[in-house]
Amino acid sequence: MLTTTGASLADSAPTELQTQTIDLALAQSQVSESIDDTEALAARRTEVTDQSALLQGRQQEAERVAREQERVALAKKKEEEARKKAEEEARKAAQKWVLPMNNYNFTSAFGQRWGRLHAGIDLAAPIGTPIVSISSGKVVKISSAGGCGRQVWIEHWEGTITRYCHMDYFSVNVGERVGPGQKIGGTGNTGRSYGPHLHFEVHPNGMNGGPTNPIKWLQAKGLGV
């Protein structure tokens, strides 16, 4: 059969078939490329998503670590502040001053008496009345000899030494550390004594220093006798 161009259908068919085959191959190739591109894009998106999730996870972990470090630092700061506060309170408690007795009658002052220095003050009380350390310190001497009878010497935290005389008994030993208000013995009538009482002395410059007026010294500490 002839066409208008003079060619037969038999001659033109192979050409059209080839064209269709090529077009189909191109279409399939485009579809394949499109699928590949889609898969590649999906893989890329998944990779980006995974990276974003990883980065976000790292950021969250860093923030968590930072918060934990801040919490630990704050806890340590509070602990340190509490420790310093406790130490300061303990220091103040250890360095406070109290009277050597609570119940007494003041009977003799510091100064010249019977031609010689009366180096302390006398506080009368029944035998066995508790005598206490006036502040924290260390017992440096205990003696039962001489006119002061049974006596205790205490060196306090700032160097002052106090002396407690005419005691009936001791509640401490040499080398023992005591605190403010801690009992060290009881009043007595030992040595040269006119009756049960405590003879109390203050030596601001230690064992080798002279005595001072206990009343004025105690008043400077906020205590009245």
N, C-alpha and C. Protein backbone atom coordinates (compact mmCIF):
# COMPACT_ATOMS: atom_id res chain seq x y z
N MET A 1 0.86 -1.21 0.00
CA MET A 1 0.00 0.00 0.00
C MET A 1 0.88 1.23 0.00
N LEU A 2 0.51 2.22 -0.84
CA LEU A 2 1.31 3.43 -0.96
C LEU A 2 0.70 4.55 -0.14
N THR A 3 1.55 5.36 0.41
CA THR A 3 1.09 6.55 1.14
C THR A 3 1.11 7.71 0.20
N THR A 4 0.64 8.86 0.69
CA THR A 4 0.59 10.06 -0.16
C THR A 4 1.97 10.50 -0.56
N THR A 5 2.93 10.13 0.20
CA THR A 5 4.31 10.51 -0.12
C THR A 5 4.96 9.50 -1.04
N GLY A 6 4.24 8.48 -1.26
CA GLY A 6 4.76 7.47 -2.17
C GLY A 6 5.40 6.33 -1.44
N ALA A 7 5.50 6.39 -0.19
CA ALA A 7 6.10 5.31 0.60
C ALA A 7 5.03 4.36 1.02
N SER A 8 5.38 3.18 1.15
CA SER A 8 4.41 2.18 1.57
C SER A 8 4.37 2.14 3.08
N LEU A 9 3.28 1.62 3.69
CA LEU A 9 3.13 1.47 5.14
C LEU A 9 4.19 0.52 5.68
N ALA A 10 4.52 -0.41 4.86
CA ALA A 10 5.54 -1.35 5.30
C ALA A 10 6.87 -0.67 5.49
N ASP A 11 7.11 0.36 4.62
CA ASP A 11 8.38 1.08 4.77
C ASP A 11 8.38 2.00 5.98
N SER A 12 7.24 2.62 6.33
CA SER A 12 7.19 3.61 7.43
C SER A 12 7.03 2.97 8.78
N ALA A 13 6.51 1.83 8.90
CA ALA A 13 6.22 1.20 10.21
C ALA A 13 7.45 1.02 11.06
N PRO A 14 8.51 0.52 10.49
CA PRO A 14 9.70 0.34 11.35
C PRO A 14 10.18 1.64 11.94
N THR A 15 10.11 2.71 11.19
CA THR A 15 10.57 4.02 11.73
C THR A 15 9.72 4.46 12.89
N GLU A 16 8.41 4.37 12.78
CA GLU A 16 7.51 4.77 13.89
C GLU A 16 7.74 3.89 15.09
N LEU A 17 7.94 2.63 14.83
CA LEU A 17 8.16 1.70 15.93
C LEU A 17 9.43 2.04 16.67
N GLN A 18 10.44 2.38 15.88
CA GLN A 18 11.70 2.76 16.51
C GLN A 18 11.53 4.01 17.37
N THR A 19 10.74 4.96 16.81
CA THR A 19 10.49 6.21 17.56
C THR A 19 9.78 5.92 18.86
N GLN A 20 8.79 5.09 18.80
CA GLN A 20 8.04 4.75 20.02
C GLN A 20 8.94 4.04 21.02
N THR A 21 9.77 3.17 20.49
CA THR A 21 10.69 2.43 21.39
C THR A 21 11.64 3.38 22.09
N ILE A 22 12.16 4.34 21.31
CA ILE A 22 13.09 5.33 21.89
C ILE A 22 12.39 6.19 22.93
N ASP A 23 11.17 6.64 22.56
CA ASP A 23 10.40 7.46 23.50
C ASP A 23 10.11 6.70 24.77
N LEU A 24 9.77 5.43 24.65
CA LEU A 24 9.48 4.61 25.83
C LEU A 24 10.72 4.44 26.68
N ALA A 25 11.84 4.22 26.00
CA ALA A 25 13.10 4.06 26.74
C ALA A 25 13.45 5.34 27.50
N LEU A 26 13.23 6.51 26.76
CA LEU A 26 13.50 7.79 27.42
C LEU A 26 12.58 8.00 28.60
N ALA A 27 11.32 7.63 28.42
CA ALA A 27 10.35 7.79 29.51
C ALA A 27 10.72 6.92 30.69
N GLN A 28 11.09 5.67 30.37
CA GLN A 28 11.49 4.77 31.45
C GLN A 28 12.74 5.27 32.15
N SER A 29 13.65 5.81 31.34
CA SER A 29 14.88 6.36 31.92
C SER A 29 14.58 7.53 32.83
N GLN A 30 13.64 8.40 32.35
CA GLN A 30 13.26 9.56 33.17
C GLN A 30 12.58 9.12 34.45
N VAL A 31 11.72 8.11 34.30
CA VAL A 31 11.04 7.58 35.50
C VAL A 31 12.07 7.01 36.47
N SER A 32 13.02 6.24 35.90
CA SER A 32 14.07 5.64 36.74
C SER A 32 14.89 6.73 37.44
N GLU A 33 15.27 7.75 36.63
CA GLU A 33 16.04 8.86 37.21
C GLU A 33 15.23 9.59 38.27
N SER A 34 13.91 9.74 37.99
CA SER A 34 13.04 10.41 38.95
C SER A 34 12.96 9.62 40.24
N ILE A 35 12.84 8.30 40.08
CA ILE A 35 12.79 7.44 41.28
C ILE A 35 14.10 7.54 42.05
N ASP A 36 15.21 7.49 41.28
CA ASP A 36 16.53 7.59 41.92
C ASP A 36 16.67 8.93 42.65
N ASP A 37 16.24 9.99 41.96
CA ASP A 37 16.32 11.31 42.58
C ASP A 37 15.47 11.38 43.85
N THR A 38 14.27 10.80 43.76
CA THR A 38 13.38 10.81 44.92
C THR A 38 13.99 10.04 46.07
N GLU A 39 14.53 8.87 45.75
CA GLU A 39 15.17 8.06 46.78
C GLU A 39 16.38 8.77 47.37
N ALA A 40 17.16 9.41 46.48
CA ALA A 40 18.34 10.14 46.95
C ALA A 40 17.92 11.30 47.84
N LEU A 41 16.85 12.00 47.39
CA LEU A 41 16.35 13.13 48.19
C LEU A 41 15.83 12.64 49.55
N ALA A 42 15.11 11.52 49.51
CA ALA A 42 14.59 10.96 50.76
C ALA A 42 15.73 10.54 51.69
N ALA A 43 16.77 9.92 51.07
CA ALA A 43 17.93 9.51 51.87
C ALA A 43 18.63 10.72 52.45
N ARG A 44 18.72 11.78 51.63
CA ARG A 44 19.36 13.01 52.11
C ARG A 44 18.56 13.64 53.24
N ARG A 45 17.23 13.63 53.02
CA ARG A 45 16.38 14.19 54.07
C ARG A 45 16.51 13.39 55.37
N THR A 46 16.56 12.06 55.21
CA THR A 46 16.74 11.20 56.39
C THR A 46 18.07 11.48 57.07
N GLU A 47 19.12 11.65 56.23
CA GLU A 47 20.45 11.95 56.78
C GLU A 47 20.46 13.28 57.52
N VAL A 48 19.81 14.30 56.89
CA VAL A 48 19.74 15.61 57.52
C VAL A 48 18.94 15.54 58.82
N THR A 49 17.83 14.76 58.74
CA THR A 49 17.00 14.61 59.95
C THR A 49 17.79 13.93 61.06
N ASP A 50 18.53 12.88 60.69
CA ASP A 50 19.34 12.17 61.68
C ASP A 50 20.41 13.09 62.26
N GLN A 51 21.04 13.89 61.40
CA GLN A 51 22.06 14.82 61.87
C GLN A 51 21.45 15.87 62.79
N SER A 52 20.27 16.35 62.38
CA SER A 52 19.58 17.35 63.22
C SER A 52 19.22 16.77 64.57
N ALA A 53 18.71 15.52 64.55
CA ALA A 53 18.35 14.86 65.80
C ALA A 53 19.59 14.64 66.66
N LEU A 54 20.71 14.26 66.00
CA LEU A 54 21.96 14.06 66.74
C LEU A 54 22.44 15.36 67.37
N LEU A 55 22.42 16.43 66.56
CA LEU A 55 22.84 17.74 67.06
C LEU A 55 21.93 18.20 68.19
N GLN A 56 20.63 17.99 68.00
CA GLN A 56 19.68 18.38 69.04
C GLN A 56 19.91 17.57 70.32
N GLY A 57 20.19 16.27 70.13
CA GLY A 57 20.47 15.42 71.28
C GLY A 57 21.72 15.85 72.01
N ARG A 58 22.76 16.19 71.22
CA ARG A 58 24.00 16.69 71.82
C ARG A 58 23.78 18.00 72.57
N GLN A 59 22.98 18.87 71.95
CA GLN A 59 22.67 20.15 72.59
C GLN A 59 21.91 19.95 73.89
N GLN A 60 20.93 19.05 73.86
CA GLN A 60 20.15 18.76 75.07
C GLN A 60 21.03 18.15 76.15
N GLU A 61 21.95 17.26 75.74
CA GLU A 61 22.84 16.65 76.71
C GLU A 61 23.80 17.69 77.30
N ALA A 62 24.28 18.59 76.45
CA ALA A 62 25.16 19.66 76.93
C ALA A 62 24.42 20.56 77.91
N GLU A 63 23.17 20.86 77.60
CA GLU A 63 22.36 21.69 78.50
C GLU A 63 22.10 20.97 79.81
N ARG A 64 21.85 19.64 79.72
CA ARG A 64 21.62 18.86 80.93
C ARG A 64 22.88 18.83 81.80
N VAL A 65 24.03 18.61 81.15
CA VAL A 65 25.30 18.60 81.88
C VAL A 65 25.56 19.95 82.52
N ALA A 66 25.29 21.03 81.78
CA ALA A 66 25.48 22.38 82.32
C ALA A 66 24.59 22.62 83.53
N ARG A 67 23.32 22.17 83.43
CA ARG A 67 22.40 22.32 84.56
C ARG A 67 22.87 21.51 85.77
N GLU A 68 23.37 20.32 85.49
CA GLU A 68 23.85 19.47 86.59
C GLU A 68 25.09 20.09 87.24
N GLN A 69 25.98 20.62 86.41
CA GLN A 69 27.17 21.28 86.95
C GLN A 69 26.79 22.50 87.78
N GLU A 70 25.80 23.23 87.29
CA GLU A 70 25.32 24.41 88.03
C GLU A 70 24.69 23.99 89.35
N ARG A 71 23.93 22.88 89.32
CA ARG A 71 23.30 22.39 90.55
C ARG A 71 24.35 21.94 91.56
N VAL A 72 25.36 21.22 91.06
CA VAL A 72 26.44 20.74 91.94
C VAL A 72 27.21 21.92 92.52
N ALA A 73 27.51 22.91 91.66
CA ALA A 73 28.24 24.09 92.11
C ALA A 73 27.45 24.85 93.17
N LEU A 74 26.13 24.98 92.94
CA LEU A 74 25.27 25.66 93.90
C LEU A 74 25.21 24.89 95.21
N ALA A 75 25.12 23.56 95.12
CA ALA A 75 25.08 22.73 96.32
C ALA A 75 26.38 22.86 97.11
N LYS A 76 27.51 22.87 96.38
CA LYS A 76 28.81 23.03 97.04
C LYS A 76 28.93 24.40 97.70
N LYS A 77 28.40 25.41 97.01
CA LYS A 77 28.46 26.77 97.56
C LYS A 77 27.64 26.85 98.85
N LYS A 78 26.44 26.27 98.81
CA LYS A 78 25.60 26.28 100.01
C LYS A 78 26.25 25.47 101.13
N GLU A 79 26.87 24.35 100.77
CA GLU A 79 27.55 23.52 101.77
C GLU A 79 28.71 24.28 102.39
N GLU A 80 29.47 24.99 101.55
CA GLU A 80 30.60 25.78 102.04
C GLU A 80 30.12 26.91 102.94
N GLU A 81 29.04 27.57 102.52
CA GLU A 81 28.48 28.65 103.33
C GLU A 81 27.99 28.12 104.68
N ALA A 82 27.35 26.94 104.66
CA ALA A 82 26.87 26.33 105.90
C ALA A 82 28.04 25.95 106.80
N ARG A 83 29.11 25.43 106.18
CA ARG A 83 30.29 25.05 106.95
C ARG A 83 30.93 26.27 107.61
N LYS A 84 31.07 27.34 106.83
CA LYS A 84 31.67 28.56 107.37
C LYS A 84 30.80 29.15 108.48
N LYS A 85 29.48 29.09 108.27
CA LYS A 85 28.57 29.60 109.28
C LYS A 85 28.68 28.80 110.57
N ALA A 86 28.75 27.47 110.42
CA ALA A 86 28.89 26.60 111.59
C ALA A 86 30.21 26.85 112.31
N GLU A 87 31.28 27.02 111.52
CA GLU A 87 32.59 27.31 112.11
C GLU A 87 32.57 28.64 112.85
N GLU A 88 31.91 29.64 112.25
CA GLU A 88 31.84 30.95 112.89
C GLU A 88 31.03 30.88 114.17
N GLU A 89 29.92 30.15 114.13
CA GLU A 89 29.11 30.00 115.33
C GLU A 89 29.87 29.25 116.41
N ALA A 90 30.63 28.22 116.00
CA ALA A 90 31.43 27.46 116.96
C ALA A 90 32.54 28.34 117.55
N ARG A 91 33.13 29.17 116.68
CA ARG A 91 34.18 30.06 117.17
C ARG A 91 33.62 31.06 118.19
N LYS A 92 32.47 31.64 117.84
CA LYS A 92 31.85 32.60 118.76
C LYS A 92 31.48 31.93 120.08
N ALA A 93 30.95 30.71 119.97
CA ALA A 93 30.56 29.99 121.19
C ALA A 93 31.78 29.68 122.05
N ALA A 94 32.89 29.31 121.38
CA ALA A 94 34.11 28.96 122.12
C ALA A 94 34.78 30.19 122.72
N GLN A 95 34.57 31.36 122.11
CA GLN A 95 35.27 32.56 122.54
C GLN A 95 34.40 33.50 123.40
N LYS A 96 33.24 33.01 123.78
CA LYS A 96 32.41 33.84 124.65
C LYS A 96 32.95 33.77 126.08
N TRP A 97 32.53 34.73 126.89
CA TRP A 97 33.00 34.82 128.27
C TRP A 97 31.81 34.72 129.23
N VAL A 98 32.04 34.03 130.33
CA VAL A 98 30.99 33.87 131.35
C VAL A 98 31.62 34.10 132.73
N LEU A 99 30.77 34.27 133.71
CA LEU A 99 31.26 34.43 135.09
C LEU A 99 31.69 33.07 135.65
N PRO A 100 32.65 33.04 136.58
CA PRO A 100 33.14 31.76 137.12
C PRO A 100 32.13 31.05 138.03
N MET A 101 31.14 31.82 138.52
CA MET A 101 30.10 31.23 139.37
C MET A 101 28.79 31.95 139.09
N ASN A 102 27.69 31.24 139.32
CA ASN A 102 26.38 31.85 139.12
C ASN A 102 25.79 32.40 140.41
N ASN A 103 25.96 31.68 141.49
CA ASN A 103 25.39 32.09 142.78
C ASN A 103 26.50 32.32 143.80
N TYR A 104 26.63 33.54 144.26
CA TYR A 104 27.73 33.89 145.18
C TYR A 104 27.42 35.21 145.88
N ASN A 105 28.22 35.51 146.87
CA ASN A 105 28.21 36.82 147.52
C ASN A 105 29.59 37.44 147.33
N PHE A 106 29.63 38.62 146.77
CA PHE A 106 30.91 39.31 146.57
C PHE A 106 31.41 39.78 147.93
N THR A 107 32.62 39.34 148.33
CA THR A 107 33.11 39.65 149.68
C THR A 107 34.42 40.43 149.72
N SER A 108 35.19 40.43 148.65
CA SER A 108 36.47 41.15 148.69
C SER A 108 36.90 41.54 147.29
N ALA A 109 37.41 42.79 147.16
CA ALA A 109 37.80 43.32 145.85
C ALA A 109 39.29 43.15 145.61
N PHE A 110 39.70 43.49 144.41
CA PHE A 110 41.11 43.49 144.01
C PHE A 110 41.77 44.74 144.60
N GLY A 111 43.02 44.59 145.11
CA GLY A 111 43.75 45.75 145.61
C GLY A 111 44.50 45.43 146.90
N GLN A 112 45.03 46.47 147.49
CA GLN A 112 45.81 46.29 148.71
C GLN A 112 44.92 45.88 149.88
N ARG A 113 45.40 44.88 150.61
CA ARG A 113 44.66 44.42 151.78
C ARG A 113 45.66 43.87 152.79
N TRP A 114 45.60 44.41 153.98
CA TRP A 114 46.50 43.99 155.07
C TRP A 114 47.97 44.14 154.67
N GLY A 115 48.25 45.21 153.95
CA GLY A 115 49.63 45.53 153.62
C GLY A 115 50.19 44.79 152.42
N ARG A 116 49.37 44.09 151.69
CA ARG A 116 49.85 43.38 150.49
C ARG A 116 48.73 43.35 149.45
N LEU A 117 49.12 43.00 148.22
CA LEU A 117 48.15 43.00 147.13
C LEU A 117 47.24 41.78 147.22
N HIS A 118 45.96 42.06 147.25
CA HIS A 118 44.97 40.99 147.09
C HIS A 118 44.73 40.90 145.58
N ALA A 119 45.31 39.86 144.95
CA ALA A 119 45.46 39.81 143.49
C ALA A 119 44.21 39.38 142.74
N GLY A 120 43.10 39.20 143.46
CA GLY A 120 41.88 38.79 142.77
C GLY A 120 40.65 39.29 143.49
N ILE A 121 39.54 38.66 143.24
CA ILE A 121 38.29 38.97 143.94
C ILE A 121 37.81 37.70 144.63
N ASP A 122 37.06 37.87 145.72
CA ASP A 122 36.53 36.74 146.47
C ASP A 122 35.02 36.66 146.30
N LEU A 123 34.57 35.48 145.96
CA LEU A 123 33.15 35.22 145.78
C LEU A 123 32.76 34.08 146.72
N ALA A 124 31.98 34.42 147.78
CA ALA A 124 31.62 33.43 148.78
C ALA A 124 30.43 32.60 148.33
N ALA A 125 30.50 31.30 148.66
CA ALA A 125 29.40 30.37 148.33
C ALA A 125 29.60 29.10 149.14
N PRO A 126 28.54 28.34 149.36
CA PRO A 126 28.66 27.09 150.12
C PRO A 126 29.66 26.13 149.48
N ILE A 127 30.26 25.30 150.31
CA ILE A 127 31.22 24.32 149.80
C ILE A 127 30.56 23.42 148.75
N GLY A 128 31.27 23.26 147.67
CA GLY A 128 30.79 22.41 146.59
C GLY A 128 30.03 23.15 145.50
N THR A 129 29.81 24.46 145.68
CA THR A 129 29.13 25.23 144.62
C THR A 129 29.96 25.16 143.34
N PRO A 130 29.33 24.83 142.19
CA PRO A 130 30.10 24.66 140.94
C PRO A 130 30.89 25.91 140.54
N ILE A 131 32.11 25.68 140.15
CA ILE A 131 32.98 26.71 139.57
C ILE A 131 33.22 26.32 138.11
N VAL A 132 33.14 27.30 137.20
CA VAL A 132 33.27 26.99 135.77
C VAL A 132 34.38 27.81 135.14
N SER A 133 34.88 27.30 134.02
CA SER A 133 35.84 28.06 133.22
C SER A 133 35.13 29.24 132.58
N ILE A 134 35.76 30.40 132.58
CA ILE A 134 35.08 31.59 132.04
C ILE A 134 35.10 31.65 130.51
N SER A 135 35.92 30.80 129.87
CA SER A 135 35.92 30.71 128.40
C SER A 135 36.64 29.43 128.01
N SER A 136 36.79 29.21 126.71
CA SER A 136 37.50 28.01 126.27
C SER A 136 38.99 28.17 126.54
N GLY A 137 39.64 27.06 126.77
CA GLY A 137 41.07 27.09 127.06
C GLY A 137 41.60 25.73 127.45
N LYS A 138 42.79 25.74 128.03
CA LYS A 138 43.47 24.52 128.42
C LYS A 138 43.94 24.62 129.86
N VAL A 139 43.69 23.55 130.61
CA VAL A 139 44.15 23.52 132.01
C VAL A 139 45.66 23.36 131.99
N VAL A 140 46.37 24.34 132.53
CA VAL A 140 47.84 24.31 132.47
C VAL A 140 48.48 24.00 133.82
N LYS A 141 47.68 24.09 134.90
CA LYS A 141 48.26 23.81 136.21
C LYS A 141 47.16 23.47 137.21
N ILE A 142 47.45 22.49 138.04
CA ILE A 142 46.60 22.14 139.18
C ILE A 142 47.52 21.97 140.38
N SER A 143 47.14 22.57 141.50
CA SER A 143 47.99 22.51 142.68
C SER A 143 47.13 22.48 143.95
N SER A 144 47.71 21.91 144.99
CA SER A 144 47.04 21.90 146.30
C SER A 144 47.92 22.53 147.36
N ALA A 145 48.99 23.23 146.93
CA ALA A 145 49.96 23.78 147.88
C ALA A 145 49.79 25.28 148.05
N GLY A 146 50.27 25.81 149.17
CA GLY A 146 50.31 27.25 149.40
C GLY A 146 49.03 27.81 149.96
N GLY A 147 49.03 29.13 150.09
CA GLY A 147 47.90 29.82 150.70
C GLY A 147 46.62 29.74 149.89
N CYS A 148 46.72 29.49 148.59
CA CYS A 148 45.51 29.40 147.75
C CYS A 148 44.87 28.02 147.81
N GLY A 149 45.49 27.08 148.54
CA GLY A 149 44.90 25.76 148.66
C GLY A 149 44.78 25.06 147.31
N ARG A 150 43.70 24.33 147.14
CA ARG A 150 43.48 23.65 145.86
C ARG A 150 43.11 24.69 144.80
N GLN A 151 43.86 24.64 143.68
CA GLN A 151 43.69 25.69 142.66
C GLN A 151 43.88 25.14 141.26
N VAL A 152 43.25 25.83 140.31
CA VAL A 152 43.33 25.48 138.89
C VAL A 152 43.73 26.72 138.10
N TRP A 153 44.67 26.53 137.14
CA TRP A 153 45.06 27.60 136.22
C TRP A 153 44.61 27.20 134.82
N ILE A 154 43.96 28.12 134.12
CA ILE A 154 43.50 27.85 132.76
C ILE A 154 44.04 28.93 131.81
N GLU A 155 44.68 28.47 130.73
CA GLU A 155 45.13 29.40 129.68
C GLU A 155 44.07 29.44 128.59
N HIS A 156 43.52 30.63 128.35
CA HIS A 156 42.42 30.76 127.41
C HIS A 156 42.90 31.02 125.98
N TRP A 157 41.98 30.98 125.04
CA TRP A 157 42.27 31.02 123.61
C TRP A 157 43.02 32.27 123.17
N GLU A 158 42.90 33.38 123.94
CA GLU A 158 43.59 34.61 123.53
C GLU A 158 44.80 34.92 124.41
N GLY A 159 45.20 33.94 125.23
CA GLY A 159 46.44 34.08 126.00
C GLY A 159 46.26 34.42 127.46
N THR A 160 45.09 34.88 127.84
CA THR A 160 44.85 35.20 129.25
C THR A 160 44.83 33.92 130.09
N ILE A 161 45.37 34.03 131.30
CA ILE A 161 45.31 32.91 132.24
C ILE A 161 44.44 33.32 133.42
N THR A 162 43.52 32.43 133.80
CA THR A 162 42.70 32.67 134.99
C THR A 162 43.05 31.64 136.06
N ARG A 163 42.91 32.09 137.32
CA ARG A 163 43.29 31.25 138.46
C ARG A 163 42.10 31.13 139.40
N TYR A 164 41.80 29.89 139.81
CA TYR A 164 40.66 29.61 140.67
C TYR A 164 41.19 28.94 141.94
N CYS A 165 41.01 29.59 143.10
CA CYS A 165 41.66 29.13 144.34
C CYS A 165 40.66 28.71 145.43
N HIS A 166 41.21 28.01 146.45
CA HIS A 166 40.49 27.55 147.64
C HIS A 166 39.41 26.51 147.29
N MET A 167 39.62 25.78 146.21
CA MET A 167 38.61 24.83 145.75
C MET A 167 38.54 23.60 146.67
N ASP A 168 37.38 22.99 146.73
CA ASP A 168 37.18 21.78 147.53
C ASP A 168 37.58 20.53 146.73
N TYR A 169 37.31 20.55 145.42
CA TYR A 169 37.64 19.40 144.56
C TYR A 169 37.84 19.90 143.13
N PHE A 170 38.44 19.03 142.31
CA PHE A 170 38.67 19.33 140.90
C PHE A 170 37.79 18.44 140.03
N SER A 171 37.38 18.98 138.88
CA SER A 171 36.64 18.20 137.89
C SER A 171 37.41 18.08 136.58
N VAL A 172 38.64 18.57 136.57
CA VAL A 172 39.46 18.55 135.35
C VAL A 172 40.87 18.07 135.68
N ASN A 173 41.65 17.82 134.62
CA ASN A 173 43.04 17.40 134.77
C ASN A 173 43.94 18.32 133.95
N VAL A 174 45.21 18.33 134.29
CA VAL A 174 46.18 19.13 133.54
C VAL A 174 46.20 18.66 132.08
N GLY A 175 46.19 19.62 131.16
CA GLY A 175 46.21 19.31 129.73
C GLY A 175 44.83 19.21 129.12
N GLU A 176 43.80 19.15 129.96
CA GLU A 176 42.43 19.02 129.45
C GLU A 176 41.96 20.35 128.87
N ARG A 177 41.22 20.25 127.78
CA ARG A 177 40.63 21.44 127.17
C ARG A 177 39.20 21.62 127.67
N VAL A 178 38.87 22.86 127.96
CA VAL A 178 37.56 23.16 128.52
C VAL A 178 36.88 24.24 127.68
N GLY A 179 35.56 24.32 127.83
CA GLY A 179 34.78 25.32 127.12
C GLY A 179 34.17 26.32 128.07
N PRO A 180 33.60 27.38 127.54
CA PRO A 180 32.95 28.38 128.39
C PRO A 180 31.84 27.76 129.22
N GLY A 181 31.88 27.99 130.52
CA GLY A 181 30.84 27.47 131.40
C GLY A 181 31.02 26.03 131.81
N GLN A 182 32.13 25.39 131.40
CA GLN A 182 32.36 24.00 131.78
C GLN A 182 32.84 23.92 133.22
N LYS A 183 32.25 23.01 133.97
CA LYS A 183 32.60 22.87 135.38
C LYS A 183 34.02 22.37 135.53
N ILE A 184 34.77 23.02 136.44
CA ILE A 184 36.15 22.61 136.71
C ILE A 184 36.35 22.16 138.16
N GLY A 185 35.32 22.36 138.99
CA GLY A 185 35.43 21.95 140.40
C GLY A 185 34.36 22.63 141.23
N GLY A 186 34.58 22.61 142.54
CA GLY A 186 33.62 23.24 143.45
C GLY A 186 34.30 24.09 144.49
N THR A 187 33.58 25.07 145.03
CA THR A 187 34.14 25.97 146.04
C THR A 187 34.50 25.18 147.29
N GLY A 188 35.52 25.71 147.98
CA GLY A 188 35.97 25.05 149.21
C GLY A 188 36.51 26.05 150.21
N ASN A 189 37.25 25.53 151.17
CA ASN A 189 37.81 26.36 152.24
C ASN A 189 39.24 25.94 152.51
N THR A 190 39.96 25.58 151.42
CA THR A 190 41.33 25.08 151.55
C THR A 190 42.33 26.23 151.51
N GLY A 191 43.55 25.98 152.07
CA GLY A 191 44.58 27.01 152.11
C GLY A 191 44.27 28.04 153.18
N ARG A 192 44.80 29.24 153.02
CA ARG A 192 44.49 30.32 153.97
C ARG A 192 43.14 30.93 153.58
N SER A 193 42.11 30.47 154.21
CA SER A 193 40.76 30.88 153.84
C SER A 193 39.95 31.17 155.09
N TYR A 194 39.13 32.18 155.05
CA TYR A 194 38.29 32.57 156.18
C TYR A 194 36.91 31.96 156.11
N GLY A 195 36.64 31.16 155.06
CA GLY A 195 35.34 30.53 154.86
C GLY A 195 35.20 30.09 153.42
N PRO A 196 34.22 29.29 153.11
CA PRO A 196 34.06 28.78 151.75
C PRO A 196 33.91 29.91 150.74
N HIS A 197 34.80 29.95 149.78
CA HIS A 197 34.70 30.98 148.74
C HIS A 197 35.64 30.65 147.58
N LEU A 198 35.46 31.38 146.49
CA LEU A 198 36.36 31.28 145.35
C LEU A 198 37.20 32.55 145.28
N HIS A 199 38.51 32.38 145.27
CA HIS A 199 39.41 33.49 144.98
C HIS A 199 39.73 33.39 143.49
N PHE A 200 39.36 34.44 142.73
CA PHE A 200 39.47 34.40 141.27
C PHE A 200 40.44 35.48 140.80
N GLU A 201 41.44 35.07 139.99
CA GLU A 201 42.44 35.99 139.47
C GLU A 201 42.44 35.98 137.94
N VAL A 202 42.87 37.12 137.35
CA VAL A 202 43.02 37.23 135.90
C VAL A 202 44.43 37.74 135.59
N HIS A 203 45.16 36.99 134.73
CA HIS A 203 46.51 37.35 134.32
C HIS A 203 46.51 37.51 132.79
N PRO A 204 46.30 38.73 132.28
CA PRO A 204 46.18 38.95 130.82
C PRO A 204 47.42 38.56 130.03
N ASN A 205 48.60 38.59 130.65
CA ASN A 205 49.84 38.31 129.93
C ASN A 205 50.41 36.93 130.25
N GLY A 206 49.56 36.04 130.71
CA GLY A 206 49.99 34.67 130.92
C GLY A 206 50.58 34.41 132.30
N MET A 207 51.22 33.24 132.40
CA MET A 207 51.76 32.77 133.69
C MET A 207 52.78 33.73 134.28
N ASN A 208 53.56 34.38 133.43
CA ASN A 208 54.62 35.26 133.91
C ASN A 208 54.18 36.71 134.04
N GLY A 209 52.92 36.97 133.68
CA GLY A 209 52.42 38.34 133.77
C GLY A 209 51.70 38.58 135.09
N GLY A 210 51.66 39.82 135.49
CA GLY A 210 51.00 40.17 136.74
C GLY A 210 49.48 40.14 136.63
N PRO A 211 48.79 40.14 137.77
CA PRO A 211 47.32 40.10 137.77
C PRO A 211 46.73 41.48 137.46
N THR A 212 45.50 41.47 137.03
CA THR A 212 44.76 42.71 136.80
C THR A 212 43.45 42.63 137.56
N ASN A 213 42.76 43.76 137.68
CA ASN A 213 41.49 43.79 138.40
C ASN A 213 40.45 42.96 137.64
N PRO A 214 40.01 41.83 138.19
CA PRO A 214 39.04 40.98 137.47
C PRO A 214 37.72 41.69 137.17
N ILE A 215 37.29 42.61 138.06
CA ILE A 215 36.01 43.27 137.84
C ILE A 215 36.06 44.11 136.57
N LYS A 216 37.10 44.95 136.45
CA LYS A 216 37.23 45.78 135.25
C LYS A 216 37.43 44.93 134.01
N TRP A 217 38.22 43.86 134.15
CA TRP A 217 38.49 42.98 133.01
C TRP A 217 37.21 42.30 132.55
N LEU A 218 36.40 41.81 133.47
CA LEU A 218 35.15 41.16 133.13
C LEU A 218 34.15 42.17 132.54
N GLN A 219 34.15 43.38 133.08
CA GLN A 219 33.26 44.42 132.54
C GLN A 219 33.59 44.72 131.08
N ALA A 220 34.88 44.67 130.75
CA ALA A 220 35.29 44.88 129.35
C ALA A 220 34.78 43.77 128.45
N LYS A 221 34.46 42.63 129.02
CA LYS A 221 33.90 41.51 128.28
C LYS A 221 32.37 41.52 128.29
N GLY A 222 31.82 42.55 128.89
CA GLY A 222 30.35 42.65 128.96
C GLY A 222 29.75 41.95 130.14
N LEU A 223 30.56 41.62 131.15
CA LEU A 223 30.08 40.88 132.33
C LEU A 223 30.20 41.75 133.57
N GLY A 224 29.20 41.68 134.42
CA GLY A 224 29.23 42.42 135.69
C GLY A 224 29.25 41.46 136.86
N VAL A 225 30.07 41.78 137.85
CA VAL A 225 30.19 40.95 139.04
C VAL A 225 29.33 41.53 140.14
